[in-house]
């Protein structure tokens, strides 16, 4: 069996980096669209998607988010209409 060409893992890594960029950018752009203005620092922290190197660190971040009493500017992202496609009326 022939070894995998060096280019294949590099292309896969590039694709995964691009996917992560999209997954990080999408909630910010949707929240800005729904809010009608750029997000301030507080709102951006509510929309962030942290990269944790352990389950414990992610759970710590999640608990910190739940303690926050500020409502999320992108609460509409959890609605069924957003899950089943982007039907923007603006």
PDB file of N, CA and C in Angstrom:
ATOM      1  N   UNK A   1       0.845  -1.175   0.000  1.00  0.00           N
ATOM      2  CA  UNK A   1       0.000   0.000   0.000  1.00  0.00           C
ATOM      3  C   UNK A   1       0.892   1.241   0.000  1.00  0.00           C
ATOM      4  N   UNK A   2       0.605   2.198  -0.855  1.00  0.00           N
ATOM      5  CA  UNK A   2       1.425   3.402  -0.992  1.00  0.00           C
ATOM      6  C   UNK A   2       1.134   4.381   0.144  1.00  0.00           C
ATOM      7  N   UNK A   3       2.130   5.130   0.589  1.00  0.00           N
ATOM      8  CA  UNK A   3       1.893   6.133   1.631  1.00  0.00           C
ATOM      9  C   UNK A   3       1.042   7.286   1.090  1.00  0.00           C
ATOM     10  N   UNK A   4       0.380   7.955   2.004  1.00  0.00           N
ATOM     11  CA  UNK A   4      -0.450   9.106   1.632  1.00  0.00           C
ATOM     12  C   UNK A   4       0.478  10.239   1.187  1.00  0.00           C
ATOM     13  N   UNK A   5       0.203  10.857   0.050  1.00  0.00           N
ATOM     14  CA  UNK A   5       1.032  11.980  -0.387  1.00  0.00           C
ATOM     15  C   UNK A   5       0.989  13.121   0.634  1.00  0.00           C
ATOM     16  N   UNK A   6       2.096  13.806   0.803  1.00  0.00           N
ATOM     17  CA  UNK A   6       2.211  14.883   1.792  1.00  0.00           C
ATOM     18  C   UNK A   6       1.160  15.974   1.581  1.00  0.00           C
ATOM     19  N   UNK A   7       0.749  16.167   0.358  1.00  0.00           N
ATOM     20  CA  UNK A   7      -0.211  17.223   0.047  1.00  0.00           C
ATOM     21  C   UNK A   7      -1.597  16.951   0.658  1.00  0.00           C
ATOM     22  N   UNK A   8      -1.980  15.694   0.803  1.00  0.00           N
ATOM     23  CA  UNK A   8      -3.323  15.349   1.300  1.00  0.00           C
ATOM     24  C   UNK A   8      -3.549  15.851   2.727  1.00  0.00           C
ATOM     25  N   UNK A   9      -2.665  15.542   3.708  1.00  0.00           N
ATOM     26  CA  UNK A   9      -2.901  16.065   5.056  1.00  0.00           C
ATOM     27  C   UNK A   9      -2.879  17.592   5.114  1.00  0.00           C
ATOM     28  N   UNK A  10      -2.060  18.214   4.270  1.00  0.00           N
ATOM     29  CA  UNK A  10      -2.021  19.679   4.248  1.00  0.00           C
ATOM     30  C   UNK A  10      -3.333  20.257   3.729  1.00  0.00           C
ATOM     31  N   UNK A  11      -3.901  19.640   2.702  1.00  0.00           N
ATOM     32  CA  UNK A  11      -5.188  20.101   2.176  1.00  0.00           C
ATOM     33  C   UNK A  11      -6.312  19.882   3.186  1.00  0.00           C
ATOM     34  N   UNK A  12      -6.289  18.753   3.881  1.00  0.00           N
ATOM     35  CA  UNK A  12      -7.297  18.482   4.914  1.00  0.00           C
ATOM     36  C   UNK A  12      -7.169  19.498   6.043  1.00  0.00           C
ATOM     37  N   UNK A  13      -5.946  19.790   6.465  1.00  0.00           N
ATOM     38  CA  UNK A  13      -5.732  20.779   7.527  1.00  0.00           C
ATOM     39  C   UNK A  13      -6.237  22.150   7.091  1.00  0.00           C
ATOM     40  N   UNK A  14      -5.961  22.544   5.852  1.00  0.00           N
ATOM     41  CA  UNK A  14      -6.458  23.827   5.341  1.00  0.00           C
ATOM     42  C   UNK A  14      -7.981  23.861   5.335  1.00  0.00           C
ATOM     43  N   UNK A  15      -8.605  22.767   4.934  1.00  0.00           N
ATOM     44  CA  UNK A  15     -10.069  22.705   4.911  1.00  0.00           C
ATOM     45  C   UNK A  15     -10.642  22.825   6.320  1.00  0.00           C
ATOM     46  N   UNK A  16     -10.016  22.172   7.297  1.00  0.00           N
ATOM     47  CA  UNK A  16     -10.496  22.248   8.679  1.00  0.00           C
ATOM     48  C   UNK A  16     -10.324  23.650   9.255  1.00  0.00           C
ATOM     49  N   UNK A  17      -9.235  24.314   8.928  1.00  0.00           N
ATOM     50  CA  UNK A  17      -9.031  25.693   9.389  1.00  0.00           C
ATOM     51  C   UNK A  17     -10.097  26.600   8.785  1.00  0.00           C
ATOM     52  N   UNK A  18     -10.382  26.434   7.495  1.00  0.00           N
ATOM     53  CA  UNK A  18     -11.409  27.245   6.848  1.00  0.00           C
ATOM     54  C   UNK A  18     -12.783  26.986   7.466  1.00  0.00           C
ATOM     55  N   UNK A  19     -13.087  25.736   7.780  1.00  0.00           N
ATOM     56  CA  UNK A  19     -14.360  25.403   8.422  1.00  0.00           C
ATOM     57  C   UNK A  19     -14.468  26.054   9.792  1.00  0.00           C
ATOM     58  N   UNK A  20     -13.384  26.021  10.562  1.00  0.00           N
ATOM     59  CA  UNK A  20     -13.401  26.650  11.880  1.00  0.00           C
ATOM     60  C   UNK A  20     -13.630  28.157  11.763  1.00  0.00           C
ATOM     61  N   UNK A  21     -13.002  28.791  10.781  1.00  0.00           N
ATOM     62  CA  UNK A  21     -13.187  30.229  10.574  1.00  0.00           C
ATOM     63  C   UNK A  21     -14.654  30.530  10.290  1.00  0.00           C
ATOM     64  N   UNK A  22     -15.277  29.723   9.451  1.00  0.00           N
ATOM     65  CA  UNK A  22     -16.697  29.919   9.135  1.00  0.00           C
ATOM     66  C   UNK A  22     -17.550  29.731  10.383  1.00  0.00           C
ATOM     67  N   UNK A  23     -17.271  28.686  11.158  1.00  0.00           N
ATOM     68  CA  UNK A  23     -18.061  28.419  12.365  1.00  0.00           C
ATOM     69  C   UNK A  23     -17.878  29.503  13.420  1.00  0.00           C
ATOM     70  N   UNK A  24     -16.722  30.153  13.449  1.00  0.00           N
ATOM     71  CA  UNK A  24     -16.514  31.244  14.396  1.00  0.00           C
ATOM     72  C   UNK A  24     -17.153  32.537  13.900  1.00  0.00           C
ATOM     73  N   UNK A  25     -17.131  32.769  12.595  1.00  0.00           N
ATOM     74  CA  UNK A  25     -17.626  34.030  12.046  1.00  0.00           C
ATOM     75  C   UNK A  25     -19.151  34.077  11.932  1.00  0.00           C
ATOM     76  N   UNK A  26     -19.780  32.957  11.647  1.00  0.00           N
ATOM     77  CA  UNK A  26     -21.220  32.924  11.403  1.00  0.00           C
ATOM     78  C   UNK A  26     -22.052  33.473  12.561  1.00  0.00           C
ATOM     79  N   UNK A  27     -21.824  33.065  13.817  1.00  0.00           N
ATOM     80  CA  UNK A  27     -22.655  33.629  14.893  1.00  0.00           C
ATOM     81  C   UNK A  27     -22.484  35.142  15.043  1.00  0.00           C
ATOM     82  N   UNK A  28     -21.261  35.649  14.858  1.00  0.00           N
ATOM     83  CA  UNK A  28     -21.043  37.089  14.959  1.00  0.00           C
ATOM     84  C   UNK A  28     -21.797  37.832  13.860  1.00  0.00           C
ATOM     85  N   UNK A  29     -21.696  37.362  12.629  1.00  0.00           N
ATOM     86  CA  UNK A  29     -22.365  38.061  11.534  1.00  0.00           C
ATOM     87  C   UNK A  29     -23.885  37.970  11.659  1.00  0.00           C
ATOM     88  N   UNK A  30     -24.403  36.839  12.108  1.00  0.00           N
ATOM     89  CA  UNK A  30     -25.851  36.720  12.306  1.00  0.00           C
ATOM     90  C   UNK A  30     -26.324  37.630  13.436  1.00  0.00           C
ATOM     91  N   UNK A  31     -25.569  37.677  14.539  1.00  0.00           N
ATOM     92  CA  UNK A  31     -25.951  38.543  15.660  1.00  0.00           C
ATOM     93  C   UNK A  31     -25.913  40.004  15.240  1.00  0.00           C
ATOM     94  N   UNK A  32     -24.907  40.394  14.471  1.00  0.00           N
ATOM     95  CA  UNK A  32     -24.842  41.771  13.986  1.00  0.00           C
ATOM     96  C   UNK A  32     -26.000  42.062  13.039  1.00  0.00           C
ATOM     97  N   UNK A  33     -26.343  41.106  12.196  1.00  0.00           N
ATOM     98  CA  UNK A  33     -27.466  41.299  11.282  1.00  0.00           C
ATOM     99  C   UNK A  33     -28.773  41.450  12.055  1.00  0.00           C
ATOM    100  N   UNK A  34     -29.001  40.570  13.023  1.00  0.00           N
ATOM    101  CA  UNK A  34     -30.246  40.614  13.791  1.00  0.00           C
ATOM    102  C   UNK A  34     -30.326  41.853  14.667  1.00  0.00           C
ATOM    103  N   UNK A  35     -29.179  42.320  15.171  1.00  0.00           N
ATOM    104  CA  UNK A  35     -29.142  43.506  16.022  1.00  0.00           C
ATOM    105  C   UNK A  35     -29.141  44.782  15.194  1.00  0.00           C
ATOM    106  N   UNK A  36     -28.687  44.702  13.963  1.00  0.00           N
ATOM    107  CA  UNK A  36     -28.647  45.874  13.100  1.00  0.00           C
ATOM    108  C   UNK A  36     -27.460  46.782  13.334  1.00  0.00           C
ATOM    109  N   UNK A  37     -26.487  46.329  14.112  1.00  0.00           N
ATOM    110  CA  UNK A  37     -25.310  47.149  14.421  1.00  0.00           C
ATOM    111  C   UNK A  37     -24.150  46.232  14.783  1.00  0.00           C
ATOM    112  N   UNK A  38     -22.924  46.762  14.690  1.00  0.00           N
ATOM    113  CA  UNK A  38     -21.774  45.952  15.122  1.00  0.00           C
ATOM    114  C   UNK A  38     -21.871  45.613  16.610  1.00  0.00           C
ATOM    115  N   UNK A  39     -21.351  44.462  16.990  1.00  0.00           N
ATOM    116  CA  UNK A  39     -21.393  44.029  18.385  1.00  0.00           C
ATOM    117  C   UNK A  39     -20.357  44.776  19.210  1.00  0.00           C
ATOM    118  N   UNK A  40     -20.758  45.178  20.412  1.00  0.00           N
ATOM    119  CA  UNK A  40     -19.767  45.748  21.325  1.00  0.00           C
ATOM    120  C   UNK A  40     -19.034  44.598  22.020  1.00  0.00           C
ATOM    121  N   UNK A  41     -18.065  44.921  22.862  1.00  0.00           N
ATOM    122  CA  UNK A  41     -17.232  43.883  23.477  1.00  0.00           C
ATOM    123  C   UNK A  41     -18.050  42.928  24.344  1.00  0.00           C
ATOM    124  N   UNK A  42     -19.009  43.459  25.101  1.00  0.00           N
ATOM    125  CA  UNK A  42     -19.833  42.615  25.968  1.00  0.00           C
ATOM    126  C   UNK A  42     -20.668  41.638  25.147  1.00  0.00           C
ATOM    127  N   UNK A  43     -21.298  42.133  24.100  1.00  0.00           N
ATOM    128  CA  UNK A  43     -22.118  41.266  23.250  1.00  0.00           C
ATOM    129  C   UNK A  43     -21.259  40.235  22.526  1.00  0.00           C
ATOM    130  N   UNK A  44     -20.073  40.633  22.103  1.00  0.00           N
ATOM    131  CA  UNK A  44     -19.186  39.698  21.404  1.00  0.00           C
ATOM    132  C   UNK A  44     -18.792  38.538  22.308  1.00  0.00           C
ATOM    133  N   UNK A  45     -18.604  38.807  23.598  1.00  0.00           N
ATOM    134  CA  UNK A  45     -18.252  37.733  24.532  1.00  0.00           C
ATOM    135  C   UNK A  45     -19.412  36.756  24.711  1.00  0.00           C
ATOM    136  N   UNK A  46     -20.642  37.236  24.545  1.00  0.00           N
ATOM    137  CA  UNK A  46     -21.804  36.353  24.668  1.00  0.00           C
ATOM    138  C   UNK A  46     -21.957  35.437  23.453  1.00  0.00           C
ATOM    139  N   UNK A  47     -21.384  35.832  22.330  1.00  0.00           N
ATOM    140  CA  UNK A  47     -21.515  35.070  21.098  1.00  0.00           C
ATOM    141  C   UNK A  47     -20.290  34.196  20.838  1.00  0.00           C
ATOM    142  N   UNK A  48     -19.218  34.396  21.584  1.00  0.00           N
ATOM    143  CA  UNK A  48     -17.953  33.713  21.305  1.00  0.00           C
ATOM    144  C   UNK A  48     -18.078  32.193  21.353  1.00  0.00           C
ATOM    145  N   UNK A  49     -17.217  31.541  20.611  1.00  0.00           N
ATOM    146  CA  UNK A  49     -17.128  30.076  20.594  1.00  0.00           C
ATOM    147  C   UNK A  49     -15.700  29.719  20.976  1.00  0.00           C
ATOM    148  N   UNK A  50     -15.453  29.454  22.238  1.00  0.00           N
ATOM    149  CA  UNK A  50     -14.069  29.235  22.661  1.00  0.00           C
ATOM    150  C   UNK A  50     -13.509  27.892  22.204  1.00  0.00           C
ATOM    151  N   UNK A  51     -12.220  27.890  21.991  1.00  0.00           N
ATOM    152  CA  UNK A  51     -11.517  26.637  21.698  1.00  0.00           C
ATOM    153  C   UNK A  51     -10.856  26.205  22.995  1.00  0.00           C
ATOM    154  N   UNK A  52     -11.326  25.130  23.575  1.00  0.00           N
ATOM    155  CA  UNK A  52     -10.784  24.631  24.837  1.00  0.00           C
ATOM    156  C   UNK A  52      -9.974  23.378  24.575  1.00  0.00           C
ATOM    157  N   UNK A  53      -8.862  23.268  25.287  1.00  0.00           N
ATOM    158  CA  UNK A  53      -8.036  22.074  25.094  1.00  0.00           C
ATOM    159  C   UNK A  53      -8.404  20.949  26.050  1.00  0.00           C
ATOM    160  N   UNK A  54      -9.432  21.183  26.882  1.00  0.00           N
ATOM    161  CA  UNK A  54      -9.903  20.108  27.753  1.00  0.00           C
ATOM    162  C   UNK A  54     -11.397  20.295  28.025  1.00  0.00           C
ATOM    163  N   UNK A  55     -12.048  19.207  28.360  1.00  0.00           N
ATOM    164  CA  UNK A  55     -13.474  19.245  28.665  1.00  0.00           C
ATOM    165  C   UNK A  55     -13.735  20.116  29.891  1.00  0.00           C
ATOM    166  N   UNK A  56     -12.826  20.045  30.877  1.00  0.00           N
ATOM    167  CA  UNK A  56     -12.994  20.813  32.113  1.00  0.00           C
ATOM    168  C   UNK A  56     -12.973  22.315  31.833  1.00  0.00           C
ATOM    169  N   UNK A  57     -12.072  22.765  30.962  1.00  0.00           N
ATOM    170  CA  UNK A  57     -12.006  24.193  30.631  1.00  0.00           C
ATOM    171  C   UNK A  57     -13.267  24.642  29.901  1.00  0.00           C
ATOM    172  N   UNK A  58     -13.795  23.788  29.032  1.00  0.00           N
ATOM    173  CA  UNK A  58     -15.030  24.130  28.342  1.00  0.00           C
ATOM    174  C   UNK A  58     -16.188  24.220  29.328  1.00  0.00           C
ATOM    175  N   UNK A  59     -16.271  23.269  30.257  1.00  0.00           N
ATOM    176  CA  UNK A  59     -17.330  23.301  31.268  1.00  0.00           C
ATOM    177  C   UNK A  59     -17.220  24.551  32.132  1.00  0.00           C
ATOM    178  N   UNK A  60     -15.999  24.961  32.459  1.00  0.00           N
ATOM    179  CA  UNK A  60     -15.783  26.187  33.234  1.00  0.00           C
ATOM    180  C   UNK A  60     -16.288  27.405  32.456  1.00  0.00           C
ATOM    181  N   UNK A  61     -15.980  27.461  31.155  1.00  0.00           N
ATOM    182  CA  UNK A  61     -16.457  28.560  30.325  1.00  0.00           C
ATOM    183  C   UNK A  61     -17.980  28.552  30.254  1.00  0.00           C
ATOM    184  N   UNK A  62     -18.567  27.355  30.109  1.00  0.00           N
ATOM    185  CA  UNK A  62     -20.018  27.230  30.004  1.00  0.00           C
ATOM    186  C   UNK A  62     -20.710  27.722  31.273  1.00  0.00           C
ATOM    187  N   UNK A  63     -20.179  27.361  32.440  1.00  0.00           N
ATOM    188  CA  UNK A  63     -20.765  27.818  33.704  1.00  0.00           C
ATOM    189  C   UNK A  63     -20.674  29.330  33.831  1.00  0.00           C
ATOM    190  N   UNK A  64     -19.552  29.885  33.391  1.00  0.00           N
ATOM    191  CA  UNK A  64     -19.371  31.337  33.437  1.00  0.00           C
ATOM    192  C   UNK A  64     -20.401  32.026  32.544  1.00  0.00           C
ATOM    193  N   UNK A  65     -20.671  31.448  31.371  1.00  0.00           N
ATOM    194  CA  UNK A  65     -21.665  32.013  30.468  1.00  0.00           C
ATOM    195  C   UNK A  65     -23.063  31.944  31.076  1.00  0.00           C
ATOM    196  N   UNK A  66     -23.378  30.842  31.745  1.00  0.00           N
ATOM    197  CA  UNK A  66     -24.705  30.688  32.337  1.00  0.00           C
ATOM    198  C   UNK A  66     -24.925  31.653  33.490  1.00  0.00           C
ATOM    199  N   UNK A  67     -23.845  32.012  34.202  1.00  0.00           N
ATOM    200  CA  UNK A  67     -23.969  32.959  35.312  1.00  0.00           C
ATOM    201  C   UNK A  67     -24.221  34.372  34.829  1.00  0.00           C
ATOM    202  N   UNK A  68     -23.866  34.647  33.604  1.00  0.00           N
ATOM    203  CA  UNK A  68     -24.059  35.986  33.060  1.00  0.00           C
ATOM    204  C   UNK A  68     -25.555  36.275  32.990  1.00  0.00           C
ATOM    205  N   UNK A  69     -25.955  37.406  33.534  1.00  0.00           N
ATOM    206  CA  UNK A  69     -27.381  37.740  33.544  1.00  0.00           C
ATOM    207  C   UNK A  69     -27.783  38.554  32.323  1.00  0.00           C
ATOM    208  N   UNK A  70     -26.816  38.922  31.485  1.00  0.00           N
ATOM    209  CA  UNK A  70     -27.108  39.713  30.304  1.00  0.00           C
ATOM    210  C   UNK A  70     -27.697  38.821  29.220  1.00  0.00           C
ATOM    211  N   UNK A  71     -28.852  39.193  28.666  1.00  0.00           N
ATOM    212  CA  UNK A  71     -29.413  38.372  27.592  1.00  0.00           C
ATOM    213  C   UNK A  71     -28.543  38.436  26.342  1.00  0.00           C
ATOM    214  N   UNK A  72     -28.469  37.355  25.653  1.00  0.00           N
ATOM    215  CA  UNK A  72     -27.645  37.273  24.450  1.00  0.00           C
ATOM    216  C   UNK A  72     -28.276  38.060  23.312  1.00  0.00           C
ATOM    217  N   UNK A  73     -27.469  38.805  22.558  1.00  0.00           N
ATOM    218  CA  UNK A  73     -28.024  39.552  21.426  1.00  0.00           C
ATOM    219  C   UNK A  73     -28.408  38.642  20.270  1.00  0.00           C
ATOM    220  N   UNK A  74     -28.018  37.396  20.334  1.00  0.00           N
ATOM    221  CA  UNK A  74     -28.331  36.487  19.219  1.00  0.00           C
ATOM    222  C   UNK A  74     -29.264  35.379  19.679  1.00  0.00           C
ATOM    223  N   UNK A  75     -30.179  35.691  20.574  1.00  0.00           N
ATOM    224  CA  UNK A  75     -31.102  34.669  21.064  1.00  0.00           C
ATOM    225  C   UNK A  75     -31.940  34.086  19.932  1.00  0.00           C
ATOM    226  N   UNK A  76     -32.164  34.868  18.909  1.00  0.00           N
ATOM    227  CA  UNK A  76     -32.952  34.377  17.775  1.00  0.00           C
ATOM    228  C   UNK A  76     -32.242  33.271  17.016  1.00  0.00           C
ATOM    229  N   UNK A  77     -30.934  33.130  17.204  1.00  0.00           N
ATOM    230  CA  UNK A  77     -30.204  32.057  16.524  1.00  0.00           C
ATOM    231  C   UNK A  77     -30.670  30.684  16.989  1.00  0.00           C
ATOM    232  N   UNK A  78     -31.286  30.621  18.162  1.00  0.00           N
ATOM    233  CA  UNK A  78     -31.762  29.343  18.690  1.00  0.00           C
ATOM    234  C   UNK A  78     -33.176  29.027  18.220  1.00  0.00           C
ATOM    235  N   UNK A  79     -33.776  29.936  17.476  1.00  0.00           N
ATOM    236  CA  UNK A  79     -35.144  29.698  17.034  1.00  0.00           C
ATOM    237  C   UNK A  79     -35.173  28.696  15.883  1.00  0.00           C
ATOM    238  N   UNK A  80     -36.261  27.951  15.751  1.00  0.00           N
ATOM    239  CA  UNK A  80     -36.360  26.964  14.667  1.00  0.00           C
ATOM    240  C   UNK A  80     -36.215  27.576  13.282  1.00  0.00           C
ATOM    241  N   UNK A  81     -36.659  28.823  13.095  1.00  0.00           N
ATOM    242  CA  UNK A  81     -36.544  29.427  11.764  1.00  0.00           C
ATOM    243  C   UNK A  81     -35.096  29.616  11.357  1.00  0.00           C
ATOM    244  N   UNK A  82     -34.219  29.866  12.312  1.00  0.00           N
ATOM    245  CA  UNK A  82     -32.797  30.017  11.987  1.00  0.00           C
ATOM    246  C   UNK A  82     -32.141  28.668  11.748  1.00  0.00           C
ATOM    247  N   UNK A  83     -32.628  27.642  12.399  1.00  0.00           N
ATOM    248  CA  UNK A  83     -32.031  26.322  12.240  1.00  0.00           C
ATOM    249  C   UNK A  83     -32.314  25.773  10.847  1.00  0.00           C
ATOM    250  N   UNK A  84     -33.482  26.082  10.294  1.00  0.00           N
ATOM    251  CA  UNK A  84     -33.892  25.498   9.022  1.00  0.00           C
ATOM    252  C   UNK A  84     -33.617  26.392   7.823  1.00  0.00           C
ATOM    253  N   UNK A  85     -32.716  27.329   7.950  1.00  0.00           N
ATOM    254  CA  UNK A  85     -32.337  28.134   6.788  1.00  0.00           C
ATOM    255  C   UNK A  85     -32.388  29.610   7.080  1.00  0.00           C
ATOM    256  N   UNK A  86     -31.747  30.339   6.222  1.00  0.00           N
ATOM    257  CA  UNK A  86     -31.688  31.784   6.385  1.00  0.00           C
ATOM    258  C   UNK A  86     -32.720  32.411   5.470  1.00  0.00           C
ATOM    259  N   UNK A  87     -33.783  32.908   6.060  1.00  0.00           N
ATOM    260  CA  UNK A  87     -34.843  33.573   5.318  1.00  0.00           C
ATOM    261  C   UNK A  87     -34.900  35.010   5.807  1.00  0.00           C
ATOM    262  N   UNK A  88     -33.976  35.803   5.311  1.00  0.00           N
ATOM    263  CA  UNK A  88     -33.879  37.189   5.765  1.00  0.00           C
ATOM    264  C   UNK A  88     -34.905  38.035   5.043  1.00  0.00           C
ATOM    265  N   UNK A  89     -35.536  38.934   5.795  1.00  0.00           N
ATOM    266  CA  UNK A  89     -36.552  39.790   5.205  1.00  0.00           C
ATOM    267  C   UNK A  89     -36.051  41.211   5.008  1.00  0.00           C
ATOM    268  N   UNK A  90     -34.827  41.491   5.424  1.00  0.00           N
ATOM    269  CA  UNK A  90     -34.295  42.855   5.257  1.00  0.00           C
ATOM    270  C   UNK A  90     -33.583  42.980   3.952  1.00  0.00           C
TER     271      UNK A  90
END
